[in-house]
C-alpha cells in the first residue's frame, strides 16, 4: 500500500511531467464568509488542473480536500504541516497544481462553525 506522502510525490511528479506537454485547466475558487464560490466545479481528467484559492472573507478559512491536498508547499516556502488543510488569512491566496484521475472530490473548511462551507470538484473522463 502506498503511503500518503508517496502518493503526493507521485501526484506532483505526474503533474510536472504532464504539464510540459499539455496546457493547464484553471479554476478560481473564492472563499467568502461561510461559502466557496463556485461550490461545484467540473473539469476534464486529460489535462492538469491549476486551482487558485482566494480568501475574500473577513475570517481565516481553510481549504481541505483529503485527496487533492495532503501536504502543500506554501508560497512563502513553509509547509502546511499544522493541519490537514491549507489555512488562508483574509486577503491571501494559494495556487495548487494537481492531476487527479476521474472522480468526485469534496473540499471543505474545517474551521469550527464553518461546517456548511463545502464544495465539489468533478473530474470527468475525457
N, C-alpha and C. Protein backbone atom coordinates (compact mmCIF):
# COMPACT_ATOMS: atom_id res chain seq x y z
N UNK A 1 0.84 -1.19 0.00
CA UNK A 1 0.00 0.00 0.00
C UNK A 1 0.88 1.24 0.00
N UNK A 2 0.53 2.22 -0.82
CA UNK A 2 1.32 3.45 -0.93
C UNK A 2 1.01 4.37 0.24
N UNK A 3 2.05 4.91 0.87
CA UNK A 3 1.87 5.88 1.95
C UNK A 3 1.34 7.18 1.37
N UNK A 4 0.54 7.97 2.18
CA UNK A 4 0.01 9.23 1.66
C UNK A 4 1.08 10.18 1.14
N UNK A 5 2.22 10.25 1.81
CA UNK A 5 3.30 11.13 1.35
C UNK A 5 3.84 10.70 -0.01
N UNK A 6 3.96 9.38 -0.21
CA UNK A 6 4.42 8.86 -1.50
C UNK A 6 3.39 9.14 -2.59
N UNK A 7 2.10 9.05 -2.24
CA UNK A 7 1.05 9.37 -3.19
C UNK A 7 1.19 10.81 -3.66
N UNK A 8 1.43 11.71 -2.71
CA UNK A 8 1.57 13.12 -3.05
C UNK A 8 2.76 13.35 -3.97
N UNK A 9 3.87 12.72 -3.66
CA UNK A 9 5.06 12.87 -4.51
C UNK A 9 4.75 12.36 -5.91
N UNK A 10 4.09 11.21 -6.01
CA UNK A 10 3.72 10.65 -7.32
C UNK A 10 2.79 11.60 -8.06
N UNK A 11 1.84 12.18 -7.33
CA UNK A 11 0.89 13.12 -7.93
C UNK A 11 1.62 14.35 -8.46
N UNK A 12 2.52 14.90 -7.67
CA UNK A 12 3.26 16.10 -8.10
C UNK A 12 4.16 15.79 -9.29
N UNK A 13 4.87 14.67 -9.25
CA UNK A 13 5.73 14.29 -10.37
C UNK A 13 4.89 14.10 -11.62
N UNK A 14 3.75 13.45 -11.48
CA UNK A 14 2.85 13.26 -12.62
C UNK A 14 2.38 14.58 -13.19
N UNK A 15 2.08 15.52 -12.32
CA UNK A 15 1.65 16.85 -12.76
C UNK A 15 2.78 17.54 -13.51
N UNK A 16 3.97 17.51 -12.95
CA UNK A 16 5.10 18.19 -13.59
C UNK A 16 5.42 17.60 -14.96
N UNK A 17 5.39 16.28 -15.05
CA UNK A 17 5.67 15.64 -16.34
C UNK A 17 4.59 15.94 -17.36
N UNK A 18 3.34 15.86 -16.94
CA UNK A 18 2.26 16.08 -17.90
C UNK A 18 2.08 17.57 -18.22
N UNK A 19 2.47 18.44 -17.30
CA UNK A 19 2.32 19.87 -17.54
C UNK A 19 3.22 20.35 -18.68
N UNK A 20 4.29 19.62 -18.94
CA UNK A 20 5.19 20.00 -20.02
C UNK A 20 4.53 19.85 -21.39
N UNK A 21 3.63 18.88 -21.50
CA UNK A 21 3.01 18.58 -22.78
C UNK A 21 1.64 19.19 -22.97
N UNK A 22 0.95 19.50 -21.89
CA UNK A 22 -0.43 19.94 -22.00
C UNK A 22 -0.64 21.27 -21.27
N UNK A 23 -1.53 22.11 -21.80
CA UNK A 23 -1.85 23.34 -21.08
C UNK A 23 -2.64 23.01 -19.82
N UNK A 24 -2.58 23.88 -18.84
CA UNK A 24 -3.32 23.67 -17.60
C UNK A 24 -4.76 24.13 -17.74
N UNK A 25 -5.66 23.40 -17.13
CA UNK A 25 -7.01 23.91 -16.91
C UNK A 25 -6.91 24.80 -15.68
N UNK A 26 -7.59 25.90 -15.65
CA UNK A 26 -7.52 26.77 -14.49
C UNK A 26 -8.89 26.92 -13.86
N UNK A 27 -8.89 26.90 -12.54
CA UNK A 27 -10.11 27.08 -11.75
C UNK A 27 -9.77 28.09 -10.67
N UNK A 28 -10.66 29.05 -10.48
CA UNK A 28 -10.51 30.01 -9.39
C UNK A 28 -11.63 29.80 -8.40
N UNK A 29 -11.26 29.59 -7.14
CA UNK A 29 -12.24 29.48 -6.07
C UNK A 29 -12.08 30.68 -5.16
N UNK A 30 -13.18 31.27 -4.78
CA UNK A 30 -13.18 32.38 -3.84
C UNK A 30 -13.83 31.91 -2.56
N UNK A 31 -13.17 32.18 -1.46
CA UNK A 31 -13.75 31.89 -0.16
C UNK A 31 -14.35 33.20 0.34
N UNK A 32 -15.65 33.19 0.51
CA UNK A 32 -16.32 34.34 1.11
C UNK A 32 -16.76 33.86 2.49
N UNK A 33 -17.20 34.74 3.32
CA UNK A 33 -17.57 34.29 4.66
C UNK A 33 -18.67 33.25 4.57
N UNK A 34 -18.29 32.02 4.91
CA UNK A 34 -19.15 30.86 5.04
C UNK A 34 -19.64 30.24 3.73
N UNK A 35 -18.90 30.46 2.63
CA UNK A 35 -19.21 29.73 1.39
C UNK A 35 -18.01 29.76 0.44
N UNK A 36 -17.95 28.75 -0.42
CA UNK A 36 -16.99 28.69 -1.52
C UNK A 36 -17.73 29.10 -2.79
N UNK A 37 -17.10 29.91 -3.62
CA UNK A 37 -17.70 30.33 -4.89
C UNK A 37 -16.73 29.98 -6.00
N UNK A 38 -17.08 29.14 -6.96
CA UNK A 38 -18.30 28.33 -7.01
C UNK A 38 -18.19 27.14 -6.07
N UNK A 39 -19.32 26.52 -5.79
CA UNK A 39 -19.30 25.36 -4.91
C UNK A 39 -19.29 24.04 -5.69
N UNK A 40 -19.46 24.11 -7.01
CA UNK A 40 -19.33 22.93 -7.87
C UNK A 40 -18.50 23.32 -9.09
N UNK A 41 -17.47 22.53 -9.37
CA UNK A 41 -16.57 22.77 -10.50
C UNK A 41 -16.46 21.48 -11.29
N UNK A 42 -16.56 21.57 -12.62
CA UNK A 42 -16.37 20.40 -13.48
C UNK A 42 -15.17 20.64 -14.38
N UNK A 43 -14.28 19.65 -14.42
CA UNK A 43 -13.08 19.72 -15.26
C UNK A 43 -12.88 18.37 -15.94
N UNK A 44 -11.96 18.35 -16.92
CA UNK A 44 -11.65 17.10 -17.62
C UNK A 44 -10.40 16.46 -17.03
N UNK A 45 -10.37 15.14 -17.07
CA UNK A 45 -9.25 14.40 -16.48
C UNK A 45 -7.99 14.43 -17.34
N UNK A 46 -8.10 14.80 -18.60
CA UNK A 46 -6.96 14.68 -19.51
C UNK A 46 -5.92 15.78 -19.35
N UNK A 47 -6.22 16.85 -18.63
CA UNK A 47 -5.32 17.99 -18.51
C UNK A 47 -5.09 18.34 -17.05
N UNK A 48 -3.86 18.62 -16.63
CA UNK A 48 -3.60 19.04 -15.24
C UNK A 48 -4.45 20.26 -14.87
N UNK A 49 -4.71 20.37 -13.60
CA UNK A 49 -5.62 21.39 -13.08
C UNK A 49 -4.87 22.34 -12.15
N UNK A 50 -4.97 23.63 -12.44
CA UNK A 50 -4.43 24.67 -11.57
C UNK A 50 -5.60 25.27 -10.81
N UNK A 51 -5.55 25.19 -9.48
CA UNK A 51 -6.62 25.74 -8.64
C UNK A 51 -6.06 26.91 -7.86
N UNK A 52 -6.63 28.09 -8.06
CA UNK A 52 -6.26 29.27 -7.28
C UNK A 52 -7.38 29.52 -6.28
N UNK A 53 -7.02 29.62 -5.02
CA UNK A 53 -7.99 29.81 -3.95
C UNK A 53 -7.70 31.15 -3.29
N UNK A 54 -8.71 32.02 -3.26
CA UNK A 54 -8.55 33.36 -2.69
C UNK A 54 -9.54 33.54 -1.54
N UNK A 55 -9.06 34.01 -0.39
CA UNK A 55 -9.93 34.28 0.76
C UNK A 55 -10.37 35.74 0.72
N UNK A 56 -11.60 35.97 0.23
CA UNK A 56 -12.17 37.31 0.18
C UNK A 56 -12.97 37.63 1.43
N UNK A 57 -13.00 36.69 2.37
CA UNK A 57 -13.79 36.88 3.58
C UNK A 57 -13.08 37.69 4.64
N UNK A 58 -13.75 37.85 5.77
CA UNK A 58 -13.22 38.62 6.89
C UNK A 58 -12.55 37.74 7.93
N UNK A 59 -12.67 36.41 7.77
CA UNK A 59 -12.12 35.47 8.73
C UNK A 59 -11.10 34.54 8.07
N UNK A 60 -10.29 33.90 8.90
CA UNK A 60 -9.39 32.86 8.40
C UNK A 60 -10.24 31.67 8.01
N UNK A 61 -9.94 31.09 6.86
CA UNK A 61 -10.65 29.90 6.39
C UNK A 61 -9.64 28.85 5.99
N UNK A 62 -10.13 27.63 5.72
CA UNK A 62 -9.28 26.54 5.27
C UNK A 62 -9.81 25.97 3.97
N UNK A 63 -8.88 25.48 3.17
CA UNK A 63 -9.24 24.65 2.01
C UNK A 63 -8.67 23.29 2.32
N UNK A 64 -9.56 22.31 2.42
CA UNK A 64 -9.11 20.95 2.71
C UNK A 64 -9.86 19.98 1.82
N UNK A 65 -9.11 19.11 1.19
CA UNK A 65 -9.66 18.03 0.39
C UNK A 65 -8.76 16.83 0.64
N UNK A 66 -9.30 15.76 1.23
CA UNK A 66 -8.47 14.62 1.59
C UNK A 66 -7.65 14.04 0.44
N UNK A 67 -8.12 14.16 -0.80
CA UNK A 67 -7.38 13.61 -1.93
C UNK A 67 -6.54 14.69 -2.61
N UNK A 68 -7.07 15.88 -2.79
CA UNK A 68 -6.35 16.93 -3.51
C UNK A 68 -5.24 17.56 -2.68
N UNK A 69 -5.41 17.62 -1.38
CA UNK A 69 -4.44 18.30 -0.52
C UNK A 69 -4.00 17.34 0.56
N UNK A 70 -2.72 17.02 0.59
CA UNK A 70 -2.20 16.23 1.70
C UNK A 70 -1.19 17.07 2.48
N UNK A 71 -0.17 17.54 1.80
CA UNK A 71 0.82 18.44 2.41
C UNK A 71 1.32 19.33 1.31
N UNK A 72 1.13 20.61 1.46
CA UNK A 72 1.36 21.56 0.39
C UNK A 72 2.51 22.49 0.74
N UNK A 73 3.33 22.78 -0.25
CA UNK A 73 4.37 23.80 -0.10
C UNK A 73 3.71 25.15 -0.31
N UNK A 74 3.78 26.02 0.68
CA UNK A 74 3.14 27.33 0.61
C UNK A 74 4.04 28.31 -0.17
N UNK A 75 3.47 29.39 -0.69
CA UNK A 75 4.25 30.36 -1.47
C UNK A 75 5.44 30.95 -0.71
N UNK A 76 5.34 31.05 0.63
CA UNK A 76 6.46 31.62 1.39
C UNK A 76 7.55 30.60 1.68
N UNK A 77 7.40 29.36 1.15
CA UNK A 77 8.41 28.33 1.33
C UNK A 77 8.14 27.40 2.50
N UNK A 78 7.21 27.78 3.38
CA UNK A 78 6.88 26.91 4.51
C UNK A 78 5.99 25.78 4.04
N UNK A 79 5.89 24.74 4.87
CA UNK A 79 4.92 23.72 4.52
C UNK A 79 3.75 23.85 5.47
N UNK A 80 2.65 23.28 5.07
CA UNK A 80 1.41 23.43 5.81
C UNK A 80 1.20 22.23 6.73
N UNK A 81 2.12 21.99 7.64
CA UNK A 81 2.05 20.79 8.47
C UNK A 81 1.23 20.99 9.74
N UNK A 82 0.64 22.17 9.96
CA UNK A 82 -0.13 22.41 11.18
C UNK A 82 -1.47 21.71 11.15
N UNK A 83 -1.90 21.23 10.03
CA UNK A 83 -3.17 20.54 9.93
C UNK A 83 -3.33 19.97 8.55
N UNK A 84 -4.45 19.28 8.32
CA UNK A 84 -4.63 18.64 7.03
C UNK A 84 -4.94 19.60 5.89
N UNK A 85 -5.49 20.76 6.18
CA UNK A 85 -5.88 21.70 5.14
C UNK A 85 -4.92 22.85 5.00
N UNK A 86 -5.25 23.74 4.07
CA UNK A 86 -4.45 24.94 3.84
C UNK A 86 -5.18 26.10 4.50
N UNK A 87 -4.54 26.74 5.45
CA UNK A 87 -5.13 27.87 6.15
C UNK A 87 -4.87 29.15 5.34
N UNK A 88 -5.92 29.92 5.12
CA UNK A 88 -5.80 31.16 4.35
C UNK A 88 -6.32 32.33 5.18
N UNK A 89 -5.44 33.28 5.43
CA UNK A 89 -5.84 34.50 6.12
C UNK A 89 -6.66 35.38 5.17
N UNK A 90 -7.47 36.31 5.68
CA UNK A 90 -8.22 37.22 4.80
C UNK A 90 -7.28 37.92 3.83
N UNK A 91 -7.66 37.96 2.57
CA UNK A 91 -6.86 38.63 1.54
C UNK A 91 -5.75 37.78 0.95
N UNK A 92 -5.54 36.56 1.43
CA UNK A 92 -4.45 35.74 0.90
C UNK A 92 -4.96 34.77 -0.16
N UNK A 93 -4.00 34.26 -0.95
CA UNK A 93 -4.35 33.30 -2.00
C UNK A 93 -3.26 32.25 -2.09
N UNK A 94 -3.63 31.08 -2.61
CA UNK A 94 -2.70 29.99 -2.82
C UNK A 94 -3.07 29.33 -4.14
N UNK A 95 -2.05 28.75 -4.80
CA UNK A 95 -2.28 28.05 -6.07
C UNK A 95 -1.78 26.63 -5.93
N UNK A 96 -2.62 25.68 -6.33
CA UNK A 96 -2.28 24.27 -6.33
C UNK A 96 -2.32 23.77 -7.76
N UNK A 97 -1.43 22.85 -8.10
CA UNK A 97 -1.48 22.19 -9.41
C UNK A 97 -1.56 20.70 -9.14
N UNK A 98 -2.62 20.08 -9.65
CA UNK A 98 -2.86 18.65 -9.44
C UNK A 98 -3.30 18.02 -10.75
N UNK A 99 -3.21 16.71 -10.80
CA UNK A 99 -3.68 15.95 -11.96
C UNK A 99 -4.51 14.77 -11.44
N UNK A 100 -5.69 15.06 -10.91
CA UNK A 100 -6.49 13.99 -10.33
C UNK A 100 -7.13 13.10 -11.39
N UNK A 101 -7.26 11.81 -11.09
CA UNK A 101 -7.97 10.92 -12.01
C UNK A 101 -9.46 11.23 -11.95
N UNK A 102 -10.24 10.70 -12.90
CA UNK A 102 -11.69 10.94 -12.88
C UNK A 102 -12.28 10.56 -11.52
N UNK A 103 -13.20 11.39 -11.07
CA UNK A 103 -13.86 11.14 -9.79
C UNK A 103 -14.47 12.40 -9.26
N UNK A 104 -15.01 12.30 -8.08
CA UNK A 104 -15.64 13.43 -7.40
C UNK A 104 -14.83 13.72 -6.14
N UNK A 105 -14.39 14.96 -6.00
CA UNK A 105 -13.52 15.36 -4.90
C UNK A 105 -14.20 16.47 -4.10
N UNK A 106 -14.45 16.21 -2.84
CA UNK A 106 -15.07 17.21 -1.98
C UNK A 106 -14.00 18.11 -1.38
N UNK A 107 -14.35 19.37 -1.16
CA UNK A 107 -13.47 20.27 -0.42
C UNK A 107 -14.30 20.98 0.63
N UNK A 108 -13.65 21.31 1.75
CA UNK A 108 -14.36 21.86 2.90
C UNK A 108 -13.48 22.86 3.64
N UNK A 109 -14.12 23.62 4.52
CA UNK A 109 -13.41 24.43 5.51
C UNK A 109 -13.64 23.75 6.84
N UNK A 110 -12.56 23.36 7.53
CA UNK A 110 -12.67 22.62 8.79
C UNK A 110 -12.71 23.53 10.02
N UNK A 111 -12.76 24.82 9.83
CA UNK A 111 -12.80 25.73 10.98
C UNK A 111 -14.09 25.52 11.78
N UNK A 112 -13.99 25.64 13.09
CA UNK A 112 -15.14 25.49 13.96
C UNK A 112 -16.22 26.51 13.56
N UNK A 113 -17.43 26.01 13.38
CA UNK A 113 -18.55 26.88 12.99
C UNK A 113 -18.69 27.06 11.49
N UNK A 114 -17.82 26.46 10.69
CA UNK A 114 -17.85 26.63 9.24
C UNK A 114 -18.31 25.35 8.52
N UNK A 115 -19.08 24.53 9.20
CA UNK A 115 -19.46 23.21 8.68
C UNK A 115 -20.21 23.26 7.35
N UNK A 116 -20.87 24.37 7.06
CA UNK A 116 -21.63 24.45 5.80
C UNK A 116 -20.76 24.85 4.62
N UNK A 117 -19.50 25.13 4.85
CA UNK A 117 -18.59 25.53 3.77
C UNK A 117 -18.06 24.29 3.08
N UNK A 118 -18.72 23.89 1.99
CA UNK A 118 -18.31 22.71 1.24
C UNK A 118 -18.39 23.00 -0.25
N UNK A 119 -17.71 22.19 -1.02
CA UNK A 119 -17.76 22.29 -2.47
C UNK A 119 -17.33 20.97 -3.08
N UNK A 120 -17.47 20.88 -4.39
CA UNK A 120 -17.16 19.64 -5.11
C UNK A 120 -16.44 19.95 -6.40
N UNK A 121 -15.38 19.20 -6.67
CA UNK A 121 -14.73 19.23 -7.98
C UNK A 121 -15.02 17.89 -8.63
N UNK A 122 -15.66 17.93 -9.80
CA UNK A 122 -15.98 16.72 -10.56
C UNK A 122 -14.99 16.64 -11.70
N UNK A 123 -14.17 15.59 -11.72
CA UNK A 123 -13.20 15.37 -12.76
C UNK A 123 -13.78 14.31 -13.70
N UNK A 124 -14.14 14.76 -14.89
CA UNK A 124 -14.83 13.89 -15.85
C UNK A 124 -13.83 13.23 -16.80
N UNK A 125 -14.13 11.99 -17.15
CA UNK A 125 -13.34 11.27 -18.16
C UNK A 125 -13.49 12.00 -19.49
N UNK A 126 -12.38 12.23 -20.18
CA UNK A 126 -12.49 12.96 -21.44
C UNK A 126 -12.67 12.03 -22.62
